[in-house]
Protein backbone atom coordinates (compact mmCIF):
# COMPACT_ATOMS: atom_id res chain seq x y z
CA MET A 1 -15.90 11.45 27.91
CA SER A 2 -14.88 9.33 24.92
CA GLU A 3 -11.98 6.91 25.17
CA SER A 4 -8.56 8.28 24.23
CA LEU A 5 -7.37 6.41 21.15
CA ARG A 6 -3.81 5.09 21.01
CA VAL A 7 -3.37 3.23 17.73
CA LEU A 8 -0.72 0.86 16.54
CA TYR A 9 -0.33 0.93 12.75
CA VAL A 10 1.06 -2.35 11.44
CA ILE A 11 2.86 -1.88 8.12
CA HIS A 12 5.09 -4.21 6.17
CA SER A 13 7.76 -1.54 5.68
CA PHE A 14 8.01 2.01 7.08
CA PRO A 15 8.89 4.58 5.87
CA ARG A 16 8.00 3.72 2.27
CA LEU A 17 7.76 6.33 -0.45
CA TYR A 18 4.78 4.75 -2.20
CA HIS A 19 2.70 4.48 0.96
CA THR A 20 2.09 8.23 1.27
CA PHE A 21 -1.65 7.64 1.68
CA LEU A 22 -1.05 5.88 4.98
CA LEU A 23 1.31 8.60 6.11
CA ASN A 24 -1.27 11.25 5.19
CA ASP A 25 -3.82 9.54 7.44
CA MET A 26 -1.38 9.28 10.33
CA VAL A 27 -0.40 12.95 10.10
CA ARG A 28 -4.06 13.97 10.26
CA LEU A 29 -4.87 11.57 13.11
CA ARG A 30 -2.05 13.00 15.19
CA LYS A 31 -3.39 16.53 14.59
CA LYS A 32 -6.70 15.31 16.02
CA GLY A 33 -4.99 14.19 19.21
CA ILE A 34 -4.72 10.45 18.45
CA GLU A 35 -1.41 8.90 19.47
CA VAL A 36 0.01 6.86 16.58
CA PHE A 37 2.60 4.10 16.95
CA ILE A 38 4.02 2.06 14.07
CA LEU A 39 5.14 -1.55 13.92
CA SER A 40 7.14 -2.15 10.73
CA ILE A 41 7.61 -5.81 9.88
CA ARG A 42 10.70 -5.02 7.83
CA LYS A 43 13.07 -2.10 7.86
CA PRO A 44 13.30 -0.46 4.42
CA ASP A 45 16.66 0.01 2.74
CA GLY A 46 17.64 3.23 1.01
CA GLU A 47 14.16 4.75 0.83
CA VAL A 48 13.57 8.44 0.27
CA VAL A 49 12.19 9.63 3.62
CA SER A 50 9.81 12.58 3.72
CA LYS A 51 9.81 15.15 6.51
CA ASP A 52 6.42 13.92 7.68
CA ALA A 53 7.69 10.33 7.92
CA GLU A 54 10.69 11.45 9.97
CA THR A 55 8.39 12.80 12.69
CA PHE A 56 7.03 9.30 13.30
CA LEU A 57 10.35 7.48 13.54
CA SER A 58 10.57 7.93 17.31
CA ASN A 59 7.27 6.01 17.62
CA THR A 60 8.27 3.31 15.15
CA PHE A 61 9.22 -0.23 16.14
CA TYR A 62 10.80 -2.85 13.87
CA LEU A 63 9.77 -6.44 14.39
CA ASP A 64 13.27 -7.81 13.92
CA HIS A 65 14.44 -5.84 16.96
CA TYR A 66 12.36 -8.19 19.10
CA ASN A 67 13.82 -11.34 17.66
CA HIS A 68 16.19 -11.89 20.58
CA ARG A 69 15.35 -15.48 21.34
CA ILE A 70 16.08 -16.64 17.81
CA HIS A 71 19.77 -16.00 18.37
CA ARG A 72 19.96 -18.37 21.32
CA PHE A 73 19.87 -21.45 19.17
CA PRO A 74 20.45 -22.25 15.46
CA LEU A 75 16.79 -22.33 14.36
CA ARG A 76 17.61 -21.83 10.70
CA GLN A 77 19.97 -24.80 10.71
CA ILE A 78 17.38 -26.92 12.51
CA ILE A 79 14.72 -26.04 9.96
CA ARG A 80 17.06 -26.86 7.05
CA LEU A 81 17.85 -30.24 8.64
CA LEU A 82 14.24 -31.07 9.38
CA ASN A 83 13.22 -30.02 5.88
CA LYS A 84 15.33 -32.86 4.54
CA THR A 85 13.59 -35.40 6.75
CA LYS A 86 10.08 -36.42 5.71
CA ASN A 87 7.24 -35.42 8.10
CA LEU A 88 9.52 -33.94 10.79
CA LEU A 89 9.18 -30.28 9.80
CA PRO A 90 5.38 -30.12 10.28
CA ARG A 91 5.79 -31.69 13.71
CA PHE A 92 8.46 -29.17 14.60
CA TYR A 93 6.15 -26.32 13.58
CA ASP A 94 3.42 -27.73 15.80
CA LEU A 95 5.77 -28.06 18.77
CA MET A 96 7.11 -24.52 18.40
CA CYS A 97 3.60 -23.16 18.14
CA LYS A 98 2.65 -24.80 21.43
CA ILE A 99 5.78 -23.55 23.18
CA ILE A 100 5.78 -19.97 21.94
CA PHE A 101 2.07 -19.33 21.84
CA SER A 102 0.74 -21.57 24.57
CA SER A 103 -2.07 -19.10 25.30
CA TYR A 104 -3.16 -19.00 21.69
CA ASN A 105 -6.34 -21.05 21.33
CA ASP A 106 -6.35 -21.74 17.59
CA GLN A 107 -3.25 -23.85 17.05
CA LYS A 108 -4.23 -24.66 13.44
CA LEU A 109 -4.43 -21.00 12.52
CA LEU A 110 -1.15 -20.19 14.27
CA LYS A 111 0.57 -22.91 12.30
CA LYS A 112 -0.31 -21.03 9.12
CA TYR A 113 1.09 -17.80 10.46
CA PHE A 114 4.21 -19.47 11.79
CA ARG A 115 4.91 -20.65 8.26
CA ASP A 116 4.29 -17.12 6.88
CA PHE A 117 6.60 -15.28 9.28
CA GLY A 118 9.30 -17.90 9.91
CA TRP A 119 11.55 -16.99 12.81
CA ARG A 120 9.93 -13.54 13.02
CA ILE A 121 7.07 -15.28 14.81
CA PHE A 122 9.24 -15.21 17.94
CA ALA A 123 9.11 -11.44 18.00
CA PHE A 124 5.36 -11.08 18.41
CA ARG A 125 5.14 -12.26 21.99
CA ASP A 126 8.03 -10.02 23.02
CA PHE A 127 6.45 -7.06 21.27
CA VAL A 128 3.25 -7.51 23.30
CA ASN A 129 4.99 -5.76 26.16
CA ASN A 130 5.02 -2.55 24.12
CA ILE A 131 1.26 -2.72 23.56
CA LYS A 132 0.84 -2.80 27.33
CA LYS A 133 3.60 -0.28 28.05
CA TYR A 134 2.15 2.39 25.74
CA ASN A 135 -1.50 1.60 26.55
CA ILE A 136 -2.27 0.90 22.90
CA ASN A 137 -5.98 0.18 22.58
CA ARG A 138 -6.45 -0.30 18.83
CA ILE A 139 -4.42 -2.22 16.25
CA HIS A 140 -4.76 -1.20 12.61
CA ALA A 141 -3.12 -2.86 9.62
CA GLY A 142 -2.35 -0.70 6.59
CA PHE A 143 -2.93 -3.58 4.17
CA ALA A 144 -4.87 -6.83 4.09
CA ASN A 145 -1.87 -9.09 3.47
CA THR A 146 1.08 -9.63 5.85
CA SER A 147 0.29 -6.50 7.82
CA ALA A 148 -3.18 -7.78 8.68
CA SER A 149 -1.74 -11.19 9.55
CA ALA A 150 0.56 -9.53 12.08
CA ALA A 151 -2.29 -7.38 13.40
CA LEU A 152 -4.51 -10.44 13.88
CA ILE A 153 -1.82 -12.26 15.88
CA LEU A 154 -1.20 -9.23 18.12
CA SER A 155 -4.94 -8.80 18.59
CA GLU A 156 -5.35 -12.40 19.67
CA LEU A 157 -2.43 -12.17 22.08
CA THR A 158 -3.61 -8.96 23.76
CA GLU A 159 -7.38 -9.04 23.19
CA THR A 160 -7.04 -5.63 21.51
CA PRO A 161 -9.54 -4.92 18.70
CA PHE A 162 -8.02 -4.79 15.24
CA THR A 163 -9.03 -3.35 11.87
CA PHE A 164 -7.34 -3.48 8.50
CA GLU A 165 -7.37 -1.66 5.18
CA ALA A 166 -7.96 -3.27 1.77
CA HIS A 167 -6.50 -1.55 -1.27
CA ALA A 168 -5.62 -3.57 -4.38
CA ASN A 169 -2.79 -6.13 -4.56
CA ASP A 170 -3.44 -7.05 -0.93
CA ILE A 171 -6.87 -8.49 -1.75
CA TYR A 172 -6.64 -9.41 -5.43
CA VAL A 173 -3.26 -11.14 -5.36
CA ASN A 174 -1.91 -11.62 -1.85
CA PHE A 175 -4.71 -12.08 0.69
CA PRO A 176 -3.67 -15.01 2.91
CA HIS A 177 -6.08 -16.30 5.56
CA ALA A 178 -8.76 -13.99 4.19
CA GLU A 179 -11.68 -15.71 5.90
CA GLU A 180 -10.11 -15.53 9.36
CA LYS A 181 -9.24 -11.85 8.92
CA LEU A 182 -12.66 -10.89 7.66
CA GLN A 183 -14.31 -12.77 10.50
CA LYS A 184 -12.10 -11.55 13.38
CA ALA A 185 -11.51 -7.95 12.34
CA LYS A 186 -13.73 -5.36 13.98
CA LYS A 187 -14.06 -3.44 10.72
CA ILE A 188 -12.58 -3.59 7.23
CA ILE A 189 -11.66 -0.29 5.66
CA THR A 190 -11.54 -0.14 1.87
CA ILE A 191 -11.16 2.61 -0.74
CA SER A 192 -13.92 1.88 -3.24
CA ASP A 193 -17.36 0.39 -3.88
CA TYR A 194 -15.56 -1.83 -6.38
CA ASN A 195 -13.49 -3.41 -3.58
CA LYS A 196 -16.44 -3.69 -1.21
CA LYS A 197 -18.51 -5.61 -3.80
CA TYR A 198 -15.55 -7.93 -4.33
CA LEU A 199 -15.14 -8.67 -0.62
CA VAL A 200 -18.85 -9.32 -0.20
CA SER A 201 -19.40 -11.38 -3.36
CA ASP A 202 -16.17 -13.39 -3.46
CA TYR A 203 -15.48 -13.86 0.25
CA GLY A 204 -18.95 -13.57 1.77
CA CYS A 205 -17.88 -10.66 4.01
CA GLU A 206 -20.66 -9.05 5.99
CA PRO A 207 -21.49 -5.82 4.11
CA GLU A 208 -21.98 -3.83 7.33
CA LYS A 209 -18.40 -4.58 8.40
CA VAL A 210 -16.92 -2.88 5.32
CA ILE A 211 -16.43 0.87 5.45
CA ILE A 212 -15.56 2.86 2.34
CA LYS A 213 -12.96 5.47 3.13
CA ARG A 214 -11.45 7.25 0.18
CA VAL A 215 -7.71 7.47 -0.36
CA PRO A 216 -6.26 10.37 1.68
CA PHE A 217 -4.05 12.91 -0.04
CA ASN A 218 -1.98 15.64 1.53
CA ARG A 219 -4.05 18.75 0.84
CA ASP A 220 -1.66 20.96 2.82
CA HIS A 221 1.25 20.07 0.52
CA CYS A 222 -0.91 20.65 -2.55
CA ASP A 223 -2.07 24.06 -1.31
CA LEU A 224 1.51 25.20 -0.92
CA ILE A 225 2.13 24.84 -4.67
CA SER A 226 -1.36 25.46 -6.10
CA GLY A 227 -0.20 28.72 -7.69
CA THR A 228 2.53 27.07 -9.79
CA LYS A 229 2.66 28.32 -13.39
CA ARG A 230 1.48 25.79 -15.95
CA GLU A 231 3.88 24.68 -18.69
CA GLU A 232 2.53 24.04 -22.20
CA ASN A 233 3.03 20.74 -24.02
CA SER A 234 4.07 18.64 -21.02
CA ILE A 235 2.71 15.30 -19.89
CA VAL A 236 3.55 13.66 -16.58
CA SER A 237 3.09 10.23 -14.96
CA VAL A 238 3.84 9.62 -11.28
CA GLY A 239 3.98 6.20 -9.65
CA ARG A 240 5.94 3.00 -9.25
CA LEU A 241 7.52 1.72 -12.48
CA ASP A 242 5.37 -1.39 -12.18
CA PRO A 243 3.52 -3.36 -14.88
CA ILE A 244 0.10 -2.34 -13.50
CA LYS A 245 0.78 1.36 -14.21
CA GLY A 246 0.55 0.78 -17.97
CA LEU A 247 3.59 2.92 -18.76
CA PRO A 248 4.72 0.92 -21.84
CA TYR A 249 1.37 1.83 -23.40
CA ALA A 250 1.77 5.46 -22.33
CA ILE A 251 5.21 5.68 -23.91
CA GLU A 252 4.01 4.13 -27.16
CA ALA A 253 1.01 6.52 -27.26
CA PHE A 254 3.35 9.48 -26.61
CA SER A 255 5.56 8.28 -29.48
CA ARG A 256 2.59 8.48 -31.85
CA VAL A 257 1.29 11.80 -30.60
CA SER A 258 4.66 13.56 -30.38
CA LYS A 259 5.11 13.28 -34.15
CA SER A 260 2.42 15.93 -34.51
CA TYR A 261 3.66 18.08 -31.62
CA PRO A 262 7.45 18.49 -31.76
CA ASP A 263 7.62 20.50 -28.53
CA LEU A 264 5.78 17.89 -26.47
CA MET A 265 7.65 16.51 -23.41
CA TYR A 266 6.87 13.52 -21.16
CA TYR A 267 8.09 13.32 -17.53
CA ILE A 268 8.00 10.03 -15.63
CA VAL A 269 8.44 10.24 -11.85
CA GLY A 270 9.13 7.06 -9.91
CA ASP A 271 11.29 3.98 -9.76
CA GLY A 272 10.68 0.25 -9.91
CA VAL A 273 11.16 -3.07 -11.64
CA LEU A 274 10.43 -1.75 -15.15
CA LYS A 275 13.07 0.96 -15.10
CA GLU A 276 15.47 -0.80 -17.47
CA SER A 277 12.83 -2.05 -19.88
CA LEU A 278 11.12 1.35 -20.06
CA THR A 279 14.46 3.10 -20.64
CA ALA A 280 15.23 0.59 -23.41
CA GLN A 281 11.81 1.24 -24.97
CA VAL A 282 12.39 4.98 -24.95
CA GLU A 283 15.83 4.58 -26.55
CA LYS A 284 14.49 2.23 -29.21
CA LEU A 285 11.88 4.88 -30.11
CA ASN A 286 14.60 7.60 -30.22
CA LEU A 287 12.74 9.60 -27.59
CA ALA A 288 15.47 9.98 -24.93
CA LYS A 289 15.41 13.77 -25.30
CA LYS A 290 11.60 13.96 -25.04
CA ILE A 291 10.89 11.41 -22.29
CA ILE A 292 12.65 12.21 -19.05
CA PHE A 293 12.87 9.78 -16.12
CA HIS A 294 13.06 11.64 -12.80
CA GLY A 295 13.34 8.61 -10.51
CA SER A 296 12.05 8.59 -6.94
CA MET A 297 11.50 11.89 -5.15
CA GLU A 298 9.69 13.35 -2.19
CA ASN A 299 5.99 13.78 -2.63
CA ALA A 300 6.22 17.58 -2.43
CA LYS A 301 8.64 17.71 -5.39
CA ALA A 302 6.49 15.30 -7.43
CA LEU A 303 3.49 17.54 -6.76
CA GLU A 304 5.35 20.53 -8.19
CA ILE A 305 5.92 18.67 -11.46
CA ILE A 306 2.23 17.65 -11.58
CA ALA A 307 1.16 21.22 -10.94
CA ARG A 308 3.33 22.51 -13.80
CA SER A 309 2.26 19.91 -16.35
CA THR A 310 -0.37 20.19 -19.06
CA ILE A 311 -1.73 16.64 -18.66
CA PHE A 312 -1.46 13.90 -16.06
CA LEU A 313 -1.45 10.38 -17.56
CA LEU A 314 -1.74 7.07 -15.74
CA PRO A 315 -3.21 4.33 -18.02
CA SER A 316 -3.38 1.51 -15.43
CA VAL A 317 -3.86 -2.15 -16.47
CA ILE A 318 -4.56 -5.41 -14.69
CA GLY A 319 -1.42 -7.52 -14.33
CA PRO A 320 -1.14 -11.20 -15.36
CA ASP A 321 -1.49 -12.22 -11.71
CA GLY A 322 -4.63 -10.12 -11.18
CA ASP A 323 -2.78 -7.20 -9.57
CA ARG A 324 -4.28 -3.77 -10.21
CA ASP A 325 -4.41 -0.22 -8.98
CA GLY A 326 -7.01 0.85 -6.46
CA ILE A 327 -7.47 4.59 -6.79
CA PRO A 328 -3.96 5.99 -7.28
CA THR A 329 -3.13 8.85 -4.93
CA ALA A 330 -1.28 10.66 -7.68
CA LEU A 331 -4.48 10.81 -9.77
CA ILE A 332 -6.32 12.40 -6.85
CA GLU A 333 -3.54 14.90 -6.27
CA ALA A 334 -3.43 15.83 -9.94
CA MET A 335 -7.15 16.52 -10.04
CA TYR A 336 -6.97 18.62 -6.89
CA LEU A 337 -4.14 20.62 -8.46
CA GLY A 338 -6.31 21.30 -11.51
CA THR A 339 -4.22 19.20 -13.92
CA PRO A 340 -6.49 17.40 -16.43
CA VAL A 341 -6.16 13.62 -16.06
CA ILE A 342 -6.33 10.50 -18.16
CA GLY A 343 -6.90 7.24 -16.25
CA SER A 344 -8.14 3.75 -16.97
CA ARG A 345 -11.62 2.29 -16.84
CA LEU A 346 -10.85 -0.29 -14.19
CA SER A 347 -11.02 -0.96 -10.44
CA GLY A 348 -12.09 2.08 -8.39
CA ILE A 349 -10.74 4.68 -10.84
CA PRO A 350 -14.17 5.40 -12.42
CA GLU A 351 -15.36 6.37 -8.93
CA LEU A 352 -12.85 9.23 -9.11
CA ILE A 353 -12.90 10.18 -12.79
CA ASP A 354 -16.27 10.89 -14.40
CA ASN A 355 -15.49 10.31 -18.03
CA ASP A 356 -15.69 13.40 -20.26
CA VAL A 357 -16.75 15.48 -17.23
CA ASN A 358 -13.65 15.92 -15.05
CA GLY A 359 -11.18 13.77 -16.98
CA TYR A 360 -10.89 10.97 -19.49
CA LEU A 361 -11.15 7.22 -18.94
CA VAL A 362 -9.44 4.93 -21.47
CA GLU A 363 -9.67 1.21 -22.07
CA PRO A 364 -6.77 -0.53 -20.32
CA GLY A 365 -3.91 -1.24 -22.72
CA SER A 366 -5.45 0.69 -25.64
CA ILE A 367 -2.65 2.73 -27.20
CA GLY A 368 -5.09 4.18 -29.72
CA ASP A 369 -7.49 5.33 -26.98
CA ILE A 370 -4.67 6.96 -25.01
CA SER A 371 -3.37 8.70 -28.12
CA GLU A 372 -6.79 10.03 -29.04
CA LYS A 373 -7.42 11.45 -25.55
CA LEU A 374 -3.99 13.06 -25.42
CA LYS A 375 -4.64 14.82 -28.70
CA LEU A 376 -8.03 16.08 -27.56
CA LEU A 377 -6.52 17.64 -24.45
CA ILE A 378 -3.42 19.04 -26.19
CA GLU A 379 -5.56 20.79 -28.81
CA ASN A 380 -8.27 22.14 -26.50
CA PRO A 381 -7.10 24.49 -23.73
CA LYS A 382 -10.73 25.24 -22.75
CA LEU A 383 -11.41 21.54 -22.21
CA ARG A 384 -8.28 21.25 -20.06
CA GLU A 385 -9.46 24.18 -17.97
CA THR A 386 -12.92 22.62 -17.54
CA PHE A 387 -11.50 19.23 -16.56
CA GLY A 388 -9.10 20.88 -14.13
CA TYR A 389 -11.87 22.89 -12.46
CA LYS A 390 -14.34 20.01 -12.20
CA GLY A 391 -11.63 17.58 -11.17
CA ARG A 392 -10.75 19.71 -8.18
CA GLN A 393 -14.45 19.99 -7.28
CA LYS A 394 -14.78 16.20 -7.30
CA VAL A 395 -11.78 15.69 -5.01
CA GLU A 396 -12.94 18.42 -2.63
CA SER A 397 -16.41 16.94 -2.33
CA GLU A 398 -15.60 13.23 -1.99
CA PHE A 399 -11.92 12.88 -1.08
CA ASP A 400 -11.61 15.37 1.77
CA ILE A 401 -9.10 13.87 4.17
CA ASP A 402 -10.86 15.05 7.33
CA VAL A 403 -14.21 13.59 6.31
CA ASN A 404 -12.66 10.26 5.41
CA ASN A 405 -10.33 10.35 8.41
CA ASP A 406 -13.35 10.66 10.64
CA LYS A 407 -14.72 7.40 9.18
CA LEU A 408 -11.60 5.65 10.37
CA ILE A 409 -11.90 7.13 13.86
CA ALA A 410 -15.60 6.19 14.00
CA ALA A 411 -14.68 2.59 13.10
CA TRP A 412 -12.23 2.44 16.01
CA ARG A 413 -14.74 3.94 18.44
CA ASP A 414 -17.65 1.75 17.35
CA LYS A 415 -18.58 -0.71 20.03
């Protein structure tokens, strides 16, 4: 009889609206009889919480809740004082590492992590009791950055195997202690061949340790609204209002195209750092009545808007710091719902969209390219129908959540 899996997901912040792909995995794992626990490094503030996320809250722990010892003495004040005195702070770090993690063999590595987590480092040893209490036998980090750092520490303290996922920002921008993680992790789970090649070529990761598992989407939610009536002349974008989503280019392209199609509407679903600048851009273009910002909303409601729309647009770009999309979940959902898509020729997106077969790929940042593809789809209902049909076929064949979920389970069971 195979071992019963009890998995601790380590996530920087749970619940988080834009991490629906992790939640989709956890929902499916639970249906397959795998007990899922969550360690959230931070507690989110004011997030929209989905009904699925609510069902995991009873199994969710927050790292700060285990920070009891920090309140027994003024550590912050001590650190501020030592920081003013040359050479004393590094010695203090070394001393605290030895006291708190006396059983940890690699003092040099711990020093790095102590600097990363600050006083939260105190919480890890206390949290170990929960790993024992709930018989957790696998530790899995949702991202390669801070989450994987926490998973590595807990793995070392408990001798519990750990794995981690690699998506986009967490390996291209913020991938601290990459070599240690790649070496000590049992498996690395990533979403694209593009990412796997990067990990192997740039970090020397062993190819056999890297498993490609496509981004999970919530098929059940999509199926509930698959019969939604399509609206004519409507474009939608769904995602964080972040520079990597390319929305300033999308808005400018819409401005050009809408001059020829007076009934055309553009709906933007999501929130983020670019909200003010995008709103100002829309007002400057006198498009406030044609471009509607919906803000953050539950995934199910966003899916309804996608299902109604004529075209889904997400012209991703690479940010100045190297940040980029992986394979956006919203693109996958749109294709499954039969909405023709326009995405960018970068990262893992071409592994989802076959250009001129089940959607269009545009050059990142090319307003002219985006405008041209919008016009082609607006003017050709038959093409939209073809893209919608073939897009759904692609998602069904390669992005099935159960097939990809099984890859994750196999990685945890692999001896």
